[in-house]
């Protein structure tokens, strides 16, 4: 009689420069949108855990903020989150963008990894955007700089080679318990994901300094009989200056209305229910440099 295969579980950190596709990969493997995506740097600010459970394994992925040189206390917090996860995991996935040359940001990350005993995978993402002949040259440049346990080229957006990557990761995972129920895809509460979905729409619709100056606080979530039993979500979009408030609200409230329309669709998909979404905009001057506001908005250093 064949012995049952032992169950494996592991924590996998996804690190890399901003905008290399970490959140796109995470959403693909868990099959649901739990991490927001944008073409602007610093989109992910907290570590977002995504859970994938198969018959024989449970992968717990940690999508960290893009590593960059901090310019304010929020940036310090984001770098600390990314660095701390390197000590907590079984595997580190260093993701790079095939379209970008190996640069100072990549060197900075590889310097952080020096001496780390955890297996480090090089994940070359966005291979659908470069000619196959260039791929070998890109990989060779990284191989000369660091001794990676595995090198796997993928396209997180198209799904190319993602299954192979998961199989490779599984080989390195230790035997362990099932930490989360099989149908759970994240350990973050709904409030966190809803706030991130709203922030994502602001990122998509605004330019210049606005995206980096925005935080979203969920004030209330409840089912409301007055609104045809819809789930009522009240949220406040925080900005740093009065001029930014005007931009987020827009002429005759047009921008805020568009943010709400787009966010409501994603929130309804997340909650599986009709949603009535109320959005407010508030100025909290220079909040990214004030510890008290960072804590209030969910960036708690003591948790990391």
Protein backbone atom coordinates (compact mmCIF):
# COMPACT_ATOMS: atom_id res chain seq x y z
CA UNK A 1 0.00 0.00 0.00
CA UNK A 2 1.42 3.40 -1.04
CA UNK A 3 2.20 5.76 1.82
CA UNK A 4 0.31 9.05 1.84
CA UNK A 5 2.36 12.00 0.63
CA UNK A 6 3.42 14.25 3.52
CA UNK A 7 1.82 17.71 3.61
CA UNK A 8 4.09 20.70 3.00
CA UNK A 9 3.66 24.33 3.99
CA UNK A 10 5.92 27.31 3.64
CA UNK A 11 6.21 31.08 3.83
CA UNK A 12 7.53 32.74 0.68
CA UNK A 13 8.57 36.39 0.57
CA UNK A 14 8.24 38.23 -2.74
CA UNK A 15 10.72 41.12 -2.86
CA UNK A 16 11.92 43.43 -5.59
CA UNK A 17 12.10 46.97 -6.87
CA UNK A 18 8.83 48.88 -7.20
CA UNK A 19 6.62 47.96 -10.17
CA UNK A 20 8.15 44.59 -11.10
CA UNK A 21 4.81 42.75 -10.88
CA UNK A 22 4.75 41.31 -7.35
CA UNK A 23 1.09 42.08 -6.75
CA UNK A 24 0.09 40.82 -10.21
CA UNK A 25 1.79 37.50 -9.42
CA UNK A 26 0.14 37.25 -5.99
CA UNK A 27 -3.34 37.89 -7.37
CA UNK A 28 -2.79 35.30 -10.11
CA UNK A 29 -1.68 32.47 -7.83
CA UNK A 30 -4.45 32.97 -5.25
CA UNK A 31 -7.05 33.48 -7.99
CA UNK A 32 -8.51 36.63 -6.45
CA UNK A 33 -7.65 40.30 -6.19
CA UNK A 34 -6.12 40.82 -2.74
CA UNK A 35 -3.20 43.11 -3.66
CA UNK A 36 -3.70 46.35 -5.55
CA UNK A 37 -1.90 47.02 -8.81
CA UNK A 38 -0.71 50.25 -10.37
CA UNK A 39 2.04 51.44 -12.71
CA UNK A 40 3.13 53.90 -10.01
CA UNK A 41 5.89 52.98 -7.52
CA UNK A 42 5.13 52.40 -3.82
CA UNK A 43 1.73 50.88 -4.56
CA UNK A 44 2.09 48.19 -1.86
CA UNK A 45 2.74 49.74 1.55
CA UNK A 46 2.07 46.89 3.97
CA UNK A 47 2.94 43.23 3.59
CA UNK A 48 0.02 41.40 2.00
CA UNK A 49 -0.27 37.68 2.67
CA UNK A 50 -1.82 35.49 -0.01
CA UNK A 51 -2.60 31.84 0.60
CA UNK A 52 -2.70 29.07 -2.00
CA UNK A 53 -3.74 25.62 -0.80
CA UNK A 54 -3.40 22.52 -2.96
CA UNK A 55 -4.00 18.85 -2.17
CA UNK A 56 -0.51 18.36 -0.76
CA UNK A 57 0.75 21.86 0.10
CA UNK A 58 -0.04 25.32 1.41
CA UNK A 59 1.91 28.29 0.03
CA UNK A 60 1.81 31.47 2.12
CA UNK A 61 3.10 34.31 -0.07
CA UNK A 62 4.11 37.64 1.41
CA UNK A 63 4.00 40.52 -1.08
CA UNK A 64 6.23 43.25 0.34
CA UNK A 65 6.53 46.95 -0.50
CA UNK A 66 8.90 47.65 -3.39
CA UNK A 67 12.37 48.26 -1.93
CA UNK A 68 13.65 51.79 -2.51
CA UNK A 69 15.61 54.48 -0.68
CA UNK A 70 13.25 56.05 1.91
CA UNK A 71 12.33 59.74 1.62
CA UNK A 72 10.02 59.99 4.68
CA UNK A 73 8.85 57.99 7.70
CA UNK A 74 6.38 56.05 5.58
CA UNK A 75 9.29 55.02 3.33
CA UNK A 76 11.29 53.95 6.41
CA UNK A 77 8.33 51.83 7.52
CA UNK A 78 7.99 50.20 4.09
CA UNK A 79 11.70 49.31 3.94
CA UNK A 80 11.55 47.87 7.47
CA UNK A 81 8.57 45.69 6.51
CA UNK A 82 10.42 44.32 3.47
CA UNK A 83 13.68 43.64 5.34
CA UNK A 84 11.97 41.98 8.31
CA UNK A 85 10.16 39.44 6.14
CA UNK A 86 13.52 38.10 4.93
CA UNK A 87 14.11 36.63 8.40
CA UNK A 88 10.65 35.06 8.69
CA UNK A 89 10.33 32.92 5.57
CA UNK A 90 11.35 29.58 4.07
CA UNK A 91 11.98 30.90 0.54
CA UNK A 92 12.75 34.34 -0.88
CA UNK A 93 11.55 35.19 -4.39
CA UNK A 94 13.55 38.12 -5.77
CA UNK A 95 11.45 39.39 -8.66
CA UNK A 96 12.88 41.55 -11.42
CA UNK A 97 11.39 43.15 -14.51
CA UNK A 98 12.80 41.69 -17.75
CA UNK A 99 12.35 45.08 -19.41
CA UNK A 100 14.65 46.86 -16.92
CA UNK A 101 18.44 46.64 -16.75
CA UNK A 102 20.11 45.45 -13.56
CA UNK A 103 20.41 48.73 -11.67
CA UNK A 104 21.35 50.24 -8.30
CA UNK A 105 18.00 49.19 -6.82
CA UNK A 106 18.66 45.54 -7.67
CA UNK A 107 22.21 45.82 -6.30
CA UNK A 108 20.80 47.25 -3.06
CA UNK A 109 18.45 44.28 -2.68
CA UNK A 110 21.14 41.71 -3.46
CA UNK A 111 23.38 43.36 -0.87
CA UNK A 112 20.55 42.89 1.67
CA UNK A 113 20.44 39.20 0.71
CA UNK A 114 24.18 38.60 1.16
CA UNK A 115 24.82 36.02 3.87
CA UNK A 116 21.15 35.02 4.05
CA UNK A 117 20.78 31.26 4.56
CA UNK A 118 17.27 31.18 3.07
CA UNK A 119 17.06 29.86 -0.55
CA UNK A 120 16.72 32.81 -2.95
CA UNK A 121 14.95 32.38 -6.30
CA UNK A 122 15.46 34.88 -9.11
CA UNK A 123 12.08 35.42 -10.78
CA UNK A 124 12.42 37.23 -14.11
CA UNK A 125 8.93 38.62 -14.73
CA UNK A 126 7.33 40.20 -17.82
CA UNK A 127 9.10 37.87 -20.25
CA UNK A 128 6.18 38.39 -22.64
CA UNK A 129 7.53 41.90 -23.25
CA UNK A 130 11.10 41.02 -24.31
CA UNK A 131 12.59 39.02 -27.18
CA UNK A 132 13.58 35.47 -26.10
CA UNK A 133 17.14 36.06 -27.33
CA UNK A 134 17.58 38.84 -24.74
CA UNK A 135 16.42 36.69 -21.83
CA UNK A 136 19.64 34.67 -21.55
CA UNK A 137 21.71 37.87 -21.38
CA UNK A 138 19.45 39.31 -18.65
CA UNK A 139 19.71 36.12 -16.58
CA UNK A 140 23.49 35.91 -17.02
CA UNK A 141 23.92 39.40 -15.57
CA UNK A 142 22.15 38.41 -12.36
CA UNK A 143 23.92 35.01 -12.13
CA UNK A 144 27.28 36.77 -12.16
CA UNK A 145 26.19 38.90 -9.22
CA UNK A 146 24.48 36.38 -6.90
CA UNK A 147 24.31 32.60 -6.40
CA UNK A 148 20.57 31.93 -6.76
CA UNK A 149 19.05 28.60 -5.71
CA UNK A 150 16.75 28.71 -8.75
CA UNK A 151 16.13 31.03 -11.72
CA UNK A 152 12.64 31.00 -13.19
CA UNK A 153 11.43 33.31 -16.01
CA UNK A 154 7.66 34.00 -15.92
CA UNK A 155 4.90 36.29 -17.09
CA UNK A 156 2.63 36.90 -14.10
CA UNK A 157 0.18 38.80 -16.29
CA UNK A 158 -0.14 36.07 -18.94
CA UNK A 159 0.47 33.15 -16.57
CA UNK A 160 3.44 31.80 -18.54
CA UNK A 161 5.57 29.37 -16.51
CA UNK A 162 3.77 30.21 -13.24
CA UNK A 163 2.77 26.55 -12.68
CA UNK A 164 6.40 25.51 -13.13
CA UNK A 165 7.45 28.14 -10.60
CA UNK A 166 4.94 26.79 -8.04
CA UNK A 167 6.22 23.24 -8.58
CA UNK A 168 9.79 24.45 -8.02
CA UNK A 169 8.84 26.36 -4.87
CA UNK A 170 7.00 23.31 -3.53
CA UNK A 171 10.17 21.20 -3.77
CA UNK A 172 11.91 23.58 -1.37
CA UNK A 173 9.07 23.85 1.14
CA UNK A 174 9.38 21.95 4.42
CA UNK A 175 6.83 19.50 5.75
CA UNK A 176 4.40 21.39 7.92
CA UNK A 177 0.81 21.98 9.01
CA UNK A 178 -2.03 23.61 7.11
CA UNK A 179 -2.04 27.05 8.72
CA UNK A 180 -5.19 28.36 7.04
CA UNK A 181 -8.50 26.82 5.88
CA UNK A 182 -8.30 25.56 2.28
CA UNK A 183 -10.66 28.26 0.96
CA UNK A 184 -8.91 31.22 2.66
CA UNK A 185 -6.84 33.35 0.25
CA UNK A 186 -5.51 36.06 2.59
CA UNK A 187 -5.01 36.75 6.27
CA UNK A 188 -5.94 40.41 5.93
CA UNK A 189 -9.35 41.57 7.20
CA UNK A 190 -11.90 42.80 4.68
CA UNK A 191 -11.47 46.37 5.92
CA UNK A 192 -7.84 46.39 4.83
CA UNK A 193 -8.57 45.02 1.36
CA UNK A 194 -11.49 47.44 0.84
CA UNK A 195 -9.29 50.42 1.80
CA UNK A 196 -6.63 49.21 -0.65
CA UNK A 197 -9.16 48.80 -3.48
CA UNK A 198 -10.30 52.41 -2.98
CA UNK A 199 -6.68 53.64 -2.87
CA UNK A 200 -5.95 51.76 -6.08
CA UNK A 201 -8.62 53.74 -7.95
CA UNK A 202 -7.12 57.02 -6.73
CA UNK A 203 -3.71 55.82 -8.01
CA UNK A 204 -5.18 54.99 -11.41
CA UNK A 205 -7.04 58.26 -11.85
CA UNK A 206 -4.57 60.85 -10.48
CA UNK A 207 -1.06 62.00 -11.37
CA UNK A 208 2.03 63.70 -9.97
CA UNK A 209 2.22 63.89 -6.17
CA UNK A 210 -1.31 62.66 -5.41
CA UNK A 211 -0.74 58.87 -5.45
CA UNK A 212 2.01 58.99 -2.83
CA UNK A 213 0.07 61.34 -0.53
CA UNK A 214 -3.09 59.21 -0.22
CA UNK A 215 -4.21 56.92 2.56
CA UNK A 216 -7.69 55.43 2.96
CA UNK A 217 -9.39 54.82 6.30
CA UNK A 218 -12.55 52.69 6.54
CA UNK A 219 -14.94 54.40 8.95
CA UNK A 220 -17.83 51.93 8.88
CA UNK A 221 -19.01 48.71 7.25
CA UNK A 222 -22.52 47.47 7.98
CA UNK A 223 -25.55 46.01 6.25
CA UNK A 224 -28.14 48.77 5.90
CA UNK A 225 -31.86 48.02 5.53
CA UNK A 226 -32.45 51.63 4.46
CA UNK A 227 -30.41 50.95 1.32
CA UNK A 228 -32.19 47.78 0.13
CA UNK A 229 -30.10 45.64 2.50
CA UNK A 230 -26.90 46.65 0.72
CA UNK A 231 -23.63 46.67 2.63
CA UNK A 232 -22.88 50.28 3.48
CA UNK A 233 -19.20 51.23 3.39
CA UNK A 234 -18.06 54.65 4.60
CA UNK A 235 -14.43 55.59 3.92
CA UNK A 236 -12.24 58.68 4.19
CA UNK A 237 -9.50 59.42 1.66
CA UNK A 238 -6.66 61.23 3.44
CA UNK A 239 -4.41 63.67 1.58
CA UNK A 240 -1.67 66.05 2.75
CA UNK A 241 -2.68 69.39 1.21
CA UNK A 242 -5.81 71.37 0.38
CA UNK A 243 -4.82 71.46 -3.31
CA UNK A 244 -4.72 67.64 -3.33
CA UNK A 245 -8.18 67.50 -1.78
CA UNK A 246 -9.50 69.59 -4.66
CA UNK A 247 -7.92 67.27 -7.22
CA UNK A 248 -9.31 64.10 -5.61
CA UNK A 249 -12.81 65.60 -5.40
CA UNK A 250 -12.60 67.04 -8.92
CA UNK A 251 -14.84 69.55 -10.67
CA UNK A 252 -18.37 69.21 -9.29
CA UNK A 253 -17.23 66.04 -7.50
CA UNK A 254 -16.58 64.19 -10.78
CA UNK A 255 -13.24 62.61 -9.77
CA UNK A 256 -14.52 61.34 -6.41
CA UNK A 257 -17.61 59.92 -8.08
CA UNK A 258 -15.45 58.01 -10.61
CA UNK A 259 -13.23 56.66 -7.81
CA UNK A 260 -16.36 55.48 -6.01
CA UNK A 261 -17.92 53.89 -9.10
CA UNK A 262 -14.78 51.87 -9.90
CA UNK A 263 -14.07 50.90 -6.29
CA UNK A 264 -17.65 49.79 -5.64
CA UNK A 265 -17.46 47.18 -8.43
CA UNK A 266 -14.34 45.56 -6.92
CA UNK A 267 -15.76 45.72 -3.38
CA UNK A 268 -18.96 44.04 -4.53
CA UNK A 269 -16.90 41.23 -6.09
CA UNK A 270 -14.94 40.87 -2.85
CA UNK A 271 -18.00 40.82 -0.57
CA UNK A 272 -20.39 39.04 -2.93
CA UNK A 273 -23.09 41.63 -2.19
CA UNK A 274 -24.44 44.95 -3.44
CA UNK A 275 -22.58 47.86 -1.86
CA UNK A 276 -23.49 51.47 -1.07
CA UNK A 277 -20.16 53.34 -0.93
CA UNK A 278 -19.73 56.74 0.74
CA UNK A 279 -16.42 58.54 0.23
CA UNK A 280 -15.09 61.62 2.01
CA UNK A 281 -11.82 63.50 1.52
CA UNK A 282 -9.88 64.95 4.46
CA UNK A 283 -6.59 66.88 4.72
CA UNK A 284 -4.04 65.62 7.27
CA UNK A 285 -0.95 67.74 6.66
CA UNK A 286 2.36 65.86 6.17
CA UNK A 287 0.88 62.60 7.53
CA UNK A 288 3.64 60.45 5.95
CA UNK A 289 6.21 61.99 8.32
CA UNK A 290 4.17 61.76 11.54
CA UNK A 291 4.27 58.53 13.53
CA UNK A 292 0.88 59.12 15.16
CA UNK A 293 -0.85 59.37 11.77
CA UNK A 294 1.05 56.39 10.37
CA UNK A 295 -0.24 54.30 13.29
CA UNK A 296 -3.78 55.64 12.86
CA UNK A 297 -3.73 54.72 9.16
CA UNK A 298 -2.58 51.14 9.81
CA UNK A 299 1.20 51.43 9.45
CA UNK A 300 2.17 50.00 12.84
CA UNK A 301 5.90 49.49 13.32
CA UNK A 302 5.42 47.38 16.47
CA UNK A 303 3.80 44.67 14.34
CA UNK A 304 6.95 44.25 12.27
